[in-house]
PDB file of N, CA and C in Angstrom:
ATOM      1  N   UNK A   1     -14.367   2.317   5.393  1.00  0.00           N
ATOM      2  CA  UNK A   1     -14.537   1.461   5.061  1.00  0.00           C
ATOM      3  C   UNK A   1     -15.086   2.056   3.360  1.00  0.00           C
ATOM      4  N   UNK A   2     -16.423   2.653   4.111  1.00  0.00           N
ATOM      5  CA  UNK A   2     -17.502   2.782   2.832  1.00  0.00           C
ATOM      6  C   UNK A   2     -17.164   4.196   2.715  1.00  0.00           C
ATOM      7  N   UNK A   3     -16.608   5.186   3.461  1.00  0.00           N
ATOM      8  CA  UNK A   3     -16.234   6.218   2.852  1.00  0.00           C
ATOM      9  C   UNK A   3     -14.766   6.442   1.603  1.00  0.00           C
ATOM     10  N   UNK A   4     -14.245   5.559   2.254  1.00  0.00           N
ATOM     11  CA  UNK A   4     -13.183   5.275   0.893  1.00  0.00           C
ATOM     12  C   UNK A   4     -13.330   4.663  -0.335  1.00  0.00           C
ATOM     13  N   UNK A   5     -14.117   3.638  -0.311  1.00  0.00           N
ATOM     14  CA  UNK A   5     -14.747   3.012  -1.540  1.00  0.00           C
ATOM     15  C   UNK A   5     -15.790   4.462  -2.194  1.00  0.00           C
ATOM     16  N   UNK A   6     -16.600   5.081  -1.654  1.00  0.00           N
ATOM     17  CA  UNK A   6     -17.437   6.307  -2.374  1.00  0.00           C
ATOM     18  C   UNK A   6     -16.433   7.354  -2.520  1.00  0.00           C
ATOM     19  N   UNK A   7     -15.338   7.612  -2.074  1.00  0.00           N
ATOM     20  CA  UNK A   7     -14.221   8.421  -2.390  1.00  0.00           C
ATOM     21  C   UNK A   7     -13.564   7.809  -3.849  1.00  0.00           C
ATOM     22  N   UNK A   8     -13.032   6.817  -3.752  1.00  0.00           N
ATOM     23  CA  UNK A   8     -12.417   6.245  -4.603  1.00  0.00           C
ATOM     24  C   UNK A   8     -13.300   5.877  -5.861  1.00  0.00           C
ATOM     25  N   UNK A   9     -14.283   5.847  -5.666  1.00  0.00           N
ATOM     26  CA  UNK A   9     -15.561   5.775  -6.966  1.00  0.00           C
ATOM     27  C   UNK A   9     -15.689   6.913  -7.739  1.00  0.00           C
ATOM     28  N   UNK A  10     -15.508   7.748  -6.633  1.00  0.00           N
ATOM     29  CA  UNK A  10     -16.116   9.190  -7.038  1.00  0.00           C
ATOM     30  C   UNK A  10     -14.400  10.055  -7.896  1.00  0.00           C
ATOM     31  N   UNK A  11     -13.646   9.914  -7.179  1.00  0.00           N
ATOM     32  CA  UNK A  11     -12.524   9.914  -8.460  1.00  0.00           C
ATOM     33  C   UNK A  11     -12.588   9.313  -9.966  1.00  0.00           C
ATOM     34  N   UNK A  12     -13.011   7.856  -9.445  1.00  0.00           N
ATOM     35  CA  UNK A  12     -13.064   7.434 -10.878  1.00  0.00           C
ATOM     36  C   UNK A  12     -13.894   7.955 -11.998  1.00  0.00           C
ATOM     37  N   UNK A  13     -15.167   7.986 -11.536  1.00  0.00           N
ATOM     38  CA  UNK A  13     -16.109   8.754 -12.161  1.00  0.00           C
ATOM     39  C   UNK A  13     -15.809   9.910 -12.438  1.00  0.00           C
ATOM     40  N   UNK A  14     -15.069  11.045 -11.780  1.00  0.00           N
ATOM     41  CA  UNK A  14     -14.604  12.136 -11.982  1.00  0.00           C
ATOM     42  C   UNK A  14     -13.872  12.503 -13.692  1.00  0.00           C
ATOM     43  N   UNK A  15     -12.705  11.424 -13.262  1.00  0.00           N
ATOM     44  CA  UNK A  15     -11.712  11.095 -14.310  1.00  0.00           C
ATOM     45  C   UNK A  15     -12.593  10.738 -15.429  1.00  0.00           C
ATOM     46  N   UNK A  16     -13.378  10.000 -15.590  1.00  0.00           N
ATOM     47  CA  UNK A  16     -13.603   9.399 -16.912  1.00  0.00           C
ATOM     48  C   UNK A  16     -14.878  10.466 -17.457  1.00  0.00           C
ATOM     49  N   UNK A  17     -15.394  10.947 -16.619  1.00  0.00           N
ATOM     50  CA  UNK A  17     -16.447  12.346 -16.943  1.00  0.00           C
ATOM     51  C   UNK A  17     -15.824  13.231 -17.749  1.00  0.00           C
ATOM     52  N   UNK A  18     -14.758  13.823 -17.021  1.00  0.00           N
ATOM     53  CA  UNK A  18     -13.713  14.989 -17.755  1.00  0.00           C
ATOM     54  C   UNK A  18     -13.229  14.546 -18.939  1.00  0.00           C
ATOM     55  N   UNK A  19     -12.847  13.230 -19.193  1.00  0.00           N
ATOM     56  CA  UNK A  19     -12.298  12.972 -20.407  1.00  0.00           C
ATOM     57  C   UNK A  19     -13.298  12.860 -21.471  1.00  0.00           C
ATOM     58  N   UNK A  20     -14.402  12.398 -21.189  1.00  0.00           N
ATOM     59  CA  UNK A  20     -15.235  12.691 -22.031  1.00  0.00           C
ATOM     60  C   UNK A  20     -15.731  13.728 -22.391  1.00  0.00           C
ATOM     61  N   UNK A  21     -15.865  15.025 -21.595  1.00  0.00           N
ATOM     62  CA  UNK A  21     -16.294  16.553 -21.652  1.00  0.00           C
ATOM     63  C   UNK A  21     -15.327  17.103 -22.452  1.00  0.00           C
ATOM     64  N   UNK A  22     -13.934  16.923 -21.753  1.00  0.00           N
ATOM     65  CA  UNK A  22     -13.053  17.941 -21.880  1.00  0.00           C
ATOM     66  C   UNK A  22     -11.517  17.135 -23.472  1.00  0.00           C
ATOM     67  N   UNK A  23     -12.144  15.945 -23.871  1.00  0.00           N
ATOM     68  CA  UNK A  23     -10.722  15.891 -24.637  1.00  0.00           C
ATOM     69  C   UNK A  23     -10.452  16.492 -25.635  1.00  0.00           C
ATOM     70  N   UNK A  24     -11.320  17.348 -26.183  1.00  0.00           N
ATOM     71  CA  UNK A  24     -10.855  18.214 -27.167  1.00  0.00           C
ATOM     72  C   UNK A  24     -10.439  19.400 -26.732  1.00  0.00           C
ATOM     73  N   UNK A  25     -10.116  19.731 -25.541  1.00  0.00           N
ATOM     74  CA  UNK A  25      -9.350  20.871 -24.917  1.00  0.00           C
ATOM     75  C   UNK A  25      -8.328  20.423 -24.189  1.00  0.00           C
ATOM     76  N   UNK A  26      -7.473  19.303 -24.469  1.00  0.00           N
ATOM     77  CA  UNK A  26      -6.224  18.893 -23.987  1.00  0.00           C
ATOM     78  C   UNK A  26      -5.377  19.818 -22.675  1.00  0.00           C
ATOM     79  N   UNK A  27      -5.492  21.279 -23.104  1.00  0.00           N
ATOM     80  CA  UNK A  27      -4.561  21.733 -21.481  1.00  0.00           C
ATOM     81  C   UNK A  27      -5.496  22.180 -20.580  1.00  0.00           C
ATOM     82  N   UNK A  28      -7.001  22.079 -20.943  1.00  0.00           N
ATOM     83  CA  UNK A  28      -7.893  22.135 -19.377  1.00  0.00           C
ATOM     84  C   UNK A  28      -7.944  20.943 -19.185  1.00  0.00           C
ATOM     85  N   UNK A  29      -8.110  19.804 -19.772  1.00  0.00           N
ATOM     86  CA  UNK A  29      -7.991  18.484 -19.168  1.00  0.00           C
ATOM     87  C   UNK A  29      -6.598  18.460 -18.274  1.00  0.00           C
ATOM     88  N   UNK A  30      -5.910  18.489 -19.188  1.00  0.00           N
ATOM     89  CA  UNK A  30      -4.453  18.301 -18.285  1.00  0.00           C
ATOM     90  C   UNK A  30      -4.529  18.800 -17.000  1.00  0.00           C
ATOM     91  N   UNK A  31      -4.844  20.105 -16.836  1.00  0.00           N
ATOM     92  CA  UNK A  31      -5.209  20.805 -15.737  1.00  0.00           C
ATOM     93  C   UNK A  31      -5.962  20.462 -14.724  1.00  0.00           C
ATOM     94  N   UNK A  32      -7.172  19.998 -14.949  1.00  0.00           N
ATOM     95  CA  UNK A  32      -8.054  19.267 -14.101  1.00  0.00           C
ATOM     96  C   UNK A  32      -7.264  18.120 -13.689  1.00  0.00           C
ATOM     97  N   UNK A  33      -6.736  17.040 -14.495  1.00  0.00           N
ATOM     98  CA  UNK A  33      -5.683  15.967 -13.971  1.00  0.00           C
ATOM     99  C   UNK A  33      -4.969  16.350 -12.967  1.00  0.00           C
ATOM    100  N   UNK A  34      -3.867  17.577 -13.283  1.00  0.00           N
ATOM    101  CA  UNK A  34      -3.264  17.804 -12.187  1.00  0.00           C
ATOM    102  C   UNK A  34      -3.592  18.014 -10.980  1.00  0.00           C
ATOM    103  N   UNK A  35      -4.623  18.661 -10.694  1.00  0.00           N
ATOM    104  CA  UNK A  35      -5.661  19.257  -9.874  1.00  0.00           C
ATOM    105  C   UNK A  35      -5.718  17.944  -8.925  1.00  0.00           C
ATOM    106  N   UNK A  36      -6.342  16.868  -9.581  1.00  0.00           N
ATOM    107  CA  UNK A  36      -6.775  15.577  -9.158  1.00  0.00           C
ATOM    108  C   UNK A  36      -5.646  14.880  -8.544  1.00  0.00           C
ATOM    109  N   UNK A  37      -4.319  15.048  -9.456  1.00  0.00           N
ATOM    110  CA  UNK A  37      -3.634  14.054  -8.952  1.00  0.00           C
ATOM    111  C   UNK A  37      -2.842  14.649  -7.555  1.00  0.00           C
ATOM    112  N   UNK A  38      -2.687  16.092  -7.231  1.00  0.00           N
ATOM    113  CA  UNK A  38      -2.413  16.655  -6.320  1.00  0.00           C
ATOM    114  C   UNK A  38      -3.308  16.536  -5.389  1.00  0.00           C
ATOM    115  N   UNK A  39      -4.488  16.217  -5.339  1.00  0.00           N
ATOM    116  CA  UNK A  39      -5.350  15.802  -4.293  1.00  0.00           C
ATOM    117  C   UNK A  39      -5.167  13.976  -3.819  1.00  0.00           C
ATOM    118  N   UNK A  40      -5.040  13.654  -4.984  1.00  0.00           N
ATOM    119  CA  UNK A  40      -4.420  12.124  -4.533  1.00  0.00           C
ATOM    120  C   UNK A  40      -3.682  11.840  -3.804  1.00  0.00           C
ATOM    121  N   UNK A  41      -2.456  12.569  -4.336  1.00  0.00           N
ATOM    122  CA  UNK A  41      -0.974  11.916  -4.100  1.00  0.00           C
ATOM    123  C   UNK A  41      -0.897  13.110  -2.708  1.00  0.00           C
ATOM    124  N   UNK A  42      -1.978  14.006  -1.966  1.00  0.00           N
ATOM    125  CA  UNK A  42      -1.678  14.453  -1.059  1.00  0.00           C
ATOM    126  C   UNK A  42      -2.222  13.297   0.085  1.00  0.00           C
ATOM    127  N   UNK A  43      -3.476  12.590  -0.251  1.00  0.00           N
ATOM    128  CA  UNK A  43      -4.531  12.087   0.338  1.00  0.00           C
ATOM    129  C   UNK A  43      -3.734  10.540   0.475  1.00  0.00           C
ATOM    130  N   UNK A  44      -2.582  10.069  -0.418  1.00  0.00           N
ATOM    131  CA  UNK A  44      -2.227   9.226  -0.033  1.00  0.00           C
ATOM    132  C   UNK A  44      -0.635   9.115  -0.907  1.00  0.00           C
ATOM    133  N   UNK A  45      -0.108   8.957   0.254  1.00  0.00           N
ATOM    134  CA  UNK A  45       1.556   9.788  -0.122  1.00  0.00           C
ATOM    135  C   UNK A  45       2.472   8.558   0.434  1.00  0.00           C
ATOM    136  N   UNK A  46       2.229   7.433   0.688  1.00  0.00           N
ATOM    137  CA  UNK A  46       3.206   6.771   0.827  1.00  0.00           C
ATOM    138  C   UNK A  46       4.181   6.106   0.050  1.00  0.00           C
ATOM    139  N   UNK A  47       5.114   5.904   0.250  1.00  0.00           N
ATOM    140  CA  UNK A  47       6.502   5.453  -0.573  1.00  0.00           C
ATOM    141  C   UNK A  47       5.767   4.662  -1.770  1.00  0.00           C
ATOM    142  N   UNK A  48       5.187   3.931  -1.426  1.00  0.00           N
ATOM    143  CA  UNK A  48       4.596   2.729  -2.673  1.00  0.00           C
ATOM    144  C   UNK A  48       3.432   3.482  -3.488  1.00  0.00           C
ATOM    145  N   UNK A  49       2.566   4.145  -3.151  1.00  0.00           N
ATOM    146  CA  UNK A  49       1.702   5.042  -3.345  1.00  0.00           C
ATOM    147  C   UNK A  49       2.367   6.001  -4.485  1.00  0.00           C
ATOM    148  N   UNK A  50       3.293   6.452  -4.204  1.00  0.00           N
ATOM    149  CA  UNK A  50       4.322   7.453  -5.291  1.00  0.00           C
ATOM    150  C   UNK A  50       4.913   6.559  -6.014  1.00  0.00           C
ATOM    151  N   UNK A  51       5.690   5.477  -6.432  1.00  0.00           N
ATOM    152  CA  UNK A  51       6.056   4.500  -6.934  1.00  0.00           C
ATOM    153  C   UNK A  51       4.915   4.242  -8.107  1.00  0.00           C
ATOM    154  N   UNK A  52       3.949   3.865  -7.509  1.00  0.00           N
ATOM    155  CA  UNK A  52       2.605   3.016  -8.356  1.00  0.00           C
ATOM    156  C   UNK A  52       2.235   4.365  -9.443  1.00  0.00           C
ATOM    157  N   UNK A  53       2.485   5.552  -8.866  1.00  0.00           N
ATOM    158  CA  UNK A  53       1.939   6.661  -9.484  1.00  0.00           C
ATOM    159  C   UNK A  53       2.799   7.133 -10.703  1.00  0.00           C
ATOM    160  N   UNK A  54       4.010   7.145 -10.305  1.00  0.00           N
ATOM    161  CA  UNK A  54       5.126   7.562 -11.176  1.00  0.00           C
ATOM    162  C   UNK A  54       5.585   6.530 -11.964  1.00  0.00           C
ATOM    163  N   UNK A  55       5.788   5.101 -11.981  1.00  0.00           N
ATOM    164  CA  UNK A  55       5.985   4.431 -12.582  1.00  0.00           C
ATOM    165  C   UNK A  55       4.990   4.264 -13.908  1.00  0.00           C
ATOM    166  N   UNK A  56       3.659   4.154 -13.178  1.00  0.00           N
ATOM    167  CA  UNK A  56       2.576   4.451 -14.591  1.00  0.00           C
ATOM    168  C   UNK A  56       2.711   5.514 -15.258  1.00  0.00           C
ATOM    169  N   UNK A  57       2.922   6.593 -14.530  1.00  0.00           N
ATOM    170  CA  UNK A  57       3.023   7.989 -15.492  1.00  0.00           C
ATOM    171  C   UNK A  57       4.279   7.908 -16.705  1.00  0.00           C
ATOM    172  N   UNK A  58       5.027   6.843 -16.255  1.00  0.00           N
ATOM    173  CA  UNK A  58       6.171   6.892 -17.278  1.00  0.00           C
ATOM    174  C   UNK A  58       6.024   5.671 -18.139  1.00  0.00           C
ATOM    175  N   UNK A  59       5.868   4.529 -17.780  1.00  0.00           N
ATOM    176  CA  UNK A  59       5.742   3.195 -18.553  1.00  0.00           C
ATOM    177  C   UNK A  59       4.617   3.127 -19.383  1.00  0.00           C
ATOM    178  N   UNK A  60       3.456   3.930 -18.975  1.00  0.00           N
ATOM    179  CA  UNK A  60       2.048   3.466 -19.512  1.00  0.00           C
ATOM    180  C   UNK A  60       2.015   4.595 -20.662  1.00  0.00           C
ATOM    181  N   UNK A  61       2.513   5.908 -20.757  1.00  0.00           N
ATOM    182  CA  UNK A  61       2.564   6.430 -22.206  1.00  0.00           C
ATOM    183  C   UNK A  61       3.872   5.905 -23.018  1.00  0.00           C
ATOM    184  N   UNK A  62       4.919   5.566 -22.339  1.00  0.00           N
ATOM    185  CA  UNK A  62       5.769   5.050 -23.290  1.00  0.00           C
ATOM    186  C   UNK A  62       5.512   3.791 -23.710  1.00  0.00           C
ATOM    187  N   UNK A  63       4.712   3.065 -23.580  1.00  0.00           N
ATOM    188  CA  UNK A  63       3.794   1.893 -23.978  1.00  0.00           C
ATOM    189  C   UNK A  63       3.163   2.446 -25.333  1.00  0.00           C
ATOM    190  N   UNK A  64       2.076   3.178 -24.615  1.00  0.00           N
ATOM    191  CA  UNK A  64       1.121   3.683 -25.646  1.00  0.00           C
ATOM    192  C   UNK A  64       1.989   4.725 -27.132  1.00  0.00           C
ATOM    193  N   UNK A  65       3.203   5.245 -26.815  1.00  0.00           N
ATOM    194  CA  UNK A  65       3.737   5.959 -27.990  1.00  0.00           C
ATOM    195  C   UNK A  65       4.296   4.808 -28.928  1.00  0.00           C
ATOM    196  N   UNK A  66       4.762   3.792 -28.309  1.00  0.00           N
ATOM    197  CA  UNK A  66       5.225   2.724 -29.144  1.00  0.00           C
ATOM    198  C   UNK A  66       4.124   2.155 -29.788  1.00  0.00           C
ATOM    199  N   UNK A  67       3.149   1.795 -29.450  1.00  0.00           N
ATOM    200  CA  UNK A  67       1.785   1.138 -30.157  1.00  0.00           C
ATOM    201  C   UNK A  67       1.302   2.050 -31.222  1.00  0.00           C
ATOM    202  N   UNK A  68       1.654   3.805 -30.574  1.00  0.00           N
ATOM    203  CA  UNK A  68       0.589   4.671 -31.859  1.00  0.00           C
ATOM    204  C   UNK A  68       1.479   4.402 -32.974  1.00  0.00           C
ATOM    205  N   UNK A  69       3.057   4.581 -32.627  1.00  0.00           N
ATOM    206  CA  UNK A  69       3.978   4.960 -33.559  1.00  0.00           C
ATOM    207  C   UNK A  69       4.118   3.283 -34.703  1.00  0.00           C
ATOM    208  N   UNK A  70       3.729   2.301 -34.302  1.00  0.00           N
ATOM    209  CA  UNK A  70       3.503   1.176 -34.831  1.00  0.00           C
ATOM    210  C   UNK A  70       2.526   1.146 -36.032  1.00  0.00           C
ATOM    211  N   UNK A  71       1.250   2.330 -35.254  1.00  0.00           N
ATOM    212  CA  UNK A  71       0.038   2.105 -36.198  1.00  0.00           C
ATOM    213  C   UNK A  71      -1.285   1.111 -35.500  1.00  0.00           C
ATOM    214  N   UNK A  72      -0.641   0.933 -34.077  1.00  0.00           N
ATOM    215  CA  UNK A  72      -1.992  -0.094 -33.426  1.00  0.00           C
ATOM    216  C   UNK A  72      -3.239   1.013 -33.195  1.00  0.00           C
ATOM    217  N   UNK A  73      -3.326   2.053 -32.748  1.00  0.00           N
ATOM    218  CA  UNK A  73      -4.339   3.025 -32.500  1.00  0.00           C
ATOM    219  C   UNK A  73      -3.752   4.378 -33.016  1.00  0.00           C
ATOM    220  N   UNK A  74      -4.524   5.819 -32.727  1.00  0.00           N
ATOM    221  CA  UNK A  74      -3.956   6.567 -32.813  1.00  0.00           C
ATOM    222  C   UNK A  74      -5.053   7.703 -32.051  1.00  0.00           C
ATOM    223  N   UNK A  75      -4.524   8.882 -31.376  1.00  0.00           N
ATOM    224  CA  UNK A  75      -5.638   9.689 -30.196  1.00  0.00           C
ATOM    225  C   UNK A  75      -5.710  10.803 -31.436  1.00  0.00           C
ATOM    226  N   UNK A  76      -6.590  11.549 -30.758  1.00  0.00           N
ATOM    227  CA  UNK A  76      -7.063  12.878 -31.650  1.00  0.00           C
ATOM    228  C   UNK A  76      -6.319  13.916 -30.828  1.00  0.00           C
ATOM    229  N   UNK A  77      -5.989  14.993 -31.558  1.00  0.00           N
ATOM    230  CA  UNK A  77      -5.205  16.038 -30.603  1.00  0.00           C
ATOM    231  C   UNK A  77      -4.131  15.685 -29.786  1.00  0.00           C
ATOM    232  N   UNK A  78      -3.117  15.004 -30.641  1.00  0.00           N
ATOM    233  CA  UNK A  78      -1.945  14.726 -29.694  1.00  0.00           C
ATOM    234  C   UNK A  78      -0.983  15.437 -29.800  1.00  0.00           C
ATOM    235  N   UNK A  79       0.454  15.729 -28.577  1.00  0.00           N
ATOM    236  CA  UNK A  79       0.815  16.627 -28.464  1.00  0.00           C
ATOM    237  C   UNK A  79       2.344  15.802 -29.311  1.00  0.00           C
ATOM    238  N   UNK A  80       2.729  14.719 -29.139  1.00  0.00           N
ATOM    239  CA  UNK A  80       3.463  13.551 -29.780  1.00  0.00           C
ATOM    240  C   UNK A  80       2.815  12.439 -29.503  1.00  0.00           C
ATOM    241  N   UNK A  81       2.607  11.967 -30.561  1.00  0.00           N
ATOM    242  CA  UNK A  81       2.096  10.786 -30.311  1.00  0.00           C
ATOM    243  C   UNK A  81       0.462  10.493 -29.331  1.00  0.00           C
ATOM    244  N   UNK A  82       0.703  11.262 -28.069  1.00  0.00           N
ATOM    245  CA  UNK A  82      -0.210  10.938 -27.259  1.00  0.00           C
ATOM    246  C   UNK A  82      -0.788  12.066 -26.805  1.00  0.00           C
ATOM    247  N   UNK A  83      -1.918  12.018 -26.093  1.00  0.00           N
ATOM    248  CA  UNK A  83      -2.364  13.502 -25.517  1.00  0.00           C
ATOM    249  C   UNK A  83      -1.637  13.938 -24.500  1.00  0.00           C
ATOM    250  N   UNK A  84      -1.566  15.148 -24.228  1.00  0.00           N
ATOM    251  CA  UNK A  84      -0.542  15.451 -22.737  1.00  0.00           C
ATOM    252  C   UNK A  84      -1.084  15.178 -21.535  1.00  0.00           C
ATOM    253  N   UNK A  85      -2.417  14.756 -21.779  1.00  0.00           N
ATOM    254  CA  UNK A  85      -2.838  14.631 -20.388  1.00  0.00           C
ATOM    255  C   UNK A  85      -2.651  12.777 -20.000  1.00  0.00           C
ATOM    256  N   UNK A  86      -2.250  12.423 -21.054  1.00  0.00           N
ATOM    257  CA  UNK A  86      -2.330  10.865 -20.877  1.00  0.00           C
ATOM    258  C   UNK A  86      -1.408  10.236 -19.890  1.00  0.00           C
ATOM    259  N   UNK A  87      -0.108  10.950 -19.663  1.00  0.00           N
ATOM    260  CA  UNK A  87       0.866  10.273 -18.652  1.00  0.00           C
ATOM    261  C   UNK A  87       0.268  10.703 -17.356  1.00  0.00           C
ATOM    262  N   UNK A  88      -0.492  11.598 -16.826  1.00  0.00           N
ATOM    263  CA  UNK A  88      -1.427  12.168 -15.821  1.00  0.00           C
ATOM    264  C   UNK A  88      -2.301  10.832 -15.251  1.00  0.00           C
ATOM    265  N   UNK A  89      -2.759  10.838 -16.332  1.00  0.00           N
ATOM    266  CA  UNK A  89      -4.003   9.941 -16.281  1.00  0.00           C
ATOM    267  C   UNK A  89      -3.604   8.771 -15.914  1.00  0.00           C
ATOM    268  N   UNK A  90      -2.684   8.245 -16.520  1.00  0.00           N
ATOM    269  CA  UNK A  90      -2.034   6.654 -16.505  1.00  0.00           C
ATOM    270  C   UNK A  90      -0.942   6.358 -14.888  1.00  0.00           C
ATOM    271  N   UNK A  91      -1.007   7.675 -14.424  1.00  0.00           N
ATOM    272  CA  UNK A  91      -0.551   7.795 -13.087  1.00  0.00           C
ATOM    273  C   UNK A  91      -1.747   7.604 -12.024  1.00  0.00           C
ATOM    274  N   UNK A  92      -3.068   8.310 -12.186  1.00  0.00           N
ATOM    275  CA  UNK A  92      -3.936   8.430 -11.590  1.00  0.00           C
ATOM    276  C   UNK A  92      -4.549   7.146 -11.641  1.00  0.00           C
ATOM    277  N   UNK A  93      -4.583   6.258 -12.763  1.00  0.00           N
ATOM    278  CA  UNK A  93      -5.129   5.121 -13.057  1.00  0.00           C
ATOM    279  C   UNK A  93      -4.750   4.085 -12.176  1.00  0.00           C
ATOM    280  N   UNK A  94      -3.400   4.020 -12.154  1.00  0.00           N
ATOM    281  CA  UNK A  94      -2.405   3.166 -11.419  1.00  0.00           C
ATOM    282  C   UNK A  94      -2.567   3.009  -9.969  1.00  0.00           C
ATOM    283  N   UNK A  95      -2.713   4.668  -8.716  1.00  0.00           N
ATOM    284  CA  UNK A  95      -2.920   4.780  -8.194  1.00  0.00           C
ATOM    285  C   UNK A  95      -4.081   4.528  -7.621  1.00  0.00           C
ATOM    286  N   UNK A  96      -5.521   4.962  -8.227  1.00  0.00           N
ATOM    287  CA  UNK A  96      -6.738   4.651  -8.002  1.00  0.00           C
ATOM    288  C   UNK A  96      -7.041   2.802  -8.073  1.00  0.00           C
ATOM    289  N   UNK A  97      -6.289   2.284  -8.752  1.00  0.00           N
ATOM    290  CA  UNK A  97      -6.506   0.771  -8.753  1.00  0.00           C
ATOM    291  C   UNK A  97      -6.040   0.262  -7.468  1.00  0.00           C
ATOM    292  N   UNK A  98      -4.559   0.737  -7.025  1.00  0.00           N
ATOM    293  CA  UNK A  98      -4.182   0.234  -5.893  1.00  0.00           C
ATOM    294  C   UNK A  98      -4.830   0.380  -4.983  1.00  0.00           C
ATOM    295  N   UNK A  99      -5.653   1.626  -4.495  1.00  0.00           N
ATOM    296  CA  UNK A  99      -6.400   2.028  -3.656  1.00  0.00           C
ATOM    297  C   UNK A  99      -7.883   1.350  -3.576  1.00  0.00           C
ATOM    298  N   UNK A 100      -8.146   1.126  -4.551  1.00  0.00           N
ATOM    299  CA  UNK A 100      -9.464   0.657  -4.546  1.00  0.00           C
ATOM    300  C   UNK A 100      -9.561  -0.914  -4.349  1.00  0.00           C
ATOM    301  N   UNK A 101      -8.508  -1.304  -5.110  1.00  0.00           N
ATOM    302  CA  UNK A 101      -8.349  -3.147  -4.688  1.00  0.00           C
ATOM    303  C   UNK A 101      -8.139  -3.240  -3.132  1.00  0.00           C
ATOM    304  N   UNK A 102      -6.956  -2.149  -2.656  1.00  0.00           N
ATOM    305  CA  UNK A 102      -6.717  -2.401  -1.017  1.00  0.00           C
ATOM    306  C   UNK A 102      -8.141  -2.245  -0.084  1.00  0.00           C
ATOM    307  N   UNK A 103      -9.226  -1.184  -0.752  1.00  0.00           N
ATOM    308  CA  UNK A 103     -10.414  -1.030   0.206  1.00  0.00           C
ATOM    309  C   UNK A 103     -11.021  -2.356  -0.181  1.00  0.00           C
ATOM    310  N   UNK A 104     -11.221  -2.719  -1.252  1.00  0.00           N
ATOM    311  CA  UNK A 104     -12.413  -4.091  -1.460  1.00  0.00           C
ATOM    312  C   UNK A 104     -11.482  -5.237  -0.702  1.00  0.00           C
ATOM    313  N   UNK A 105     -10.026  -5.390  -0.901  1.00  0.00           N
ATOM    314  CA  UNK A 105      -9.631  -6.431  -0.107  1.00  0.00           C
ATOM    315  C   UNK A 105      -9.822  -6.623   1.497  1.00  0.00           C
ATOM    316  N   UNK A 106     -10.041  -5.192   1.902  1.00  0.00           N
ATOM    317  CA  UNK A 106     -10.307  -5.057   3.495  1.00  0.00           C
ATOM    318  C   UNK A 106     -11.708  -5.435   3.862  1.00  0.00           C
ATOM    319  N   UNK A 107     -12.433  -5.095   2.878  1.00  0.00           N
ATOM    320  CA  UNK A 107     -14.156  -5.032   2.779  1.00  0.00           C
ATOM    321  C   UNK A 107     -14.410  -6.814   2.890  1.00  0.00           C
ATOM    322  N   UNK A 108     -13.615  -7.699   2.549  1.00  0.00           N
ATOM    323  CA  UNK A 108     -13.836  -8.771   2.073  1.00  0.00           C
ATOM    324  C   UNK A 108     -13.230  -9.601   3.528  1.00  0.00           C
ATOM    325  N   UNK A 109     -12.240  -9.089   4.208  1.00  0.00           N
ATOM    326  CA  UNK A 109     -12.237  -9.776   5.260  1.00  0.00           C
ATOM    327  C   UNK A 109     -12.659  -9.464   6.884  1.00  0.00           C
TER     328      UNK A 109
END
C-alpha cells in the first residue's frame, strides 16, 4: 500500500515538475509525457484504466479547446488552441486520480 502511494505521488510530482521546467519546449515535454504514459499504462492496463486514460485524453482537451476558443483563457505555445502535450497530460491525470483514489480508499479499510 505504502509503495503504491509513493509511486503514485512520485508520478504526480514528476509530471508537475516537468510541466514547470519544460512548458516552453512542447516537443520535449510531449516526449516525456509519452514515456510516463507508457510506464503508467504498462503498470495499470485493466480495461477501465485504459478507458479512464483515453476518455480524458479526448474529452479534456476538447473542453479546453472550446474554452480557449471563446476566450476563457489561452495557452503559451499552442499547436491549435492548446499545447500538443495537453491531451497526454489529461490522460495521465485521469488515470493518476483513479489510481490514487483507489489506493487511499484501500488504506482507509
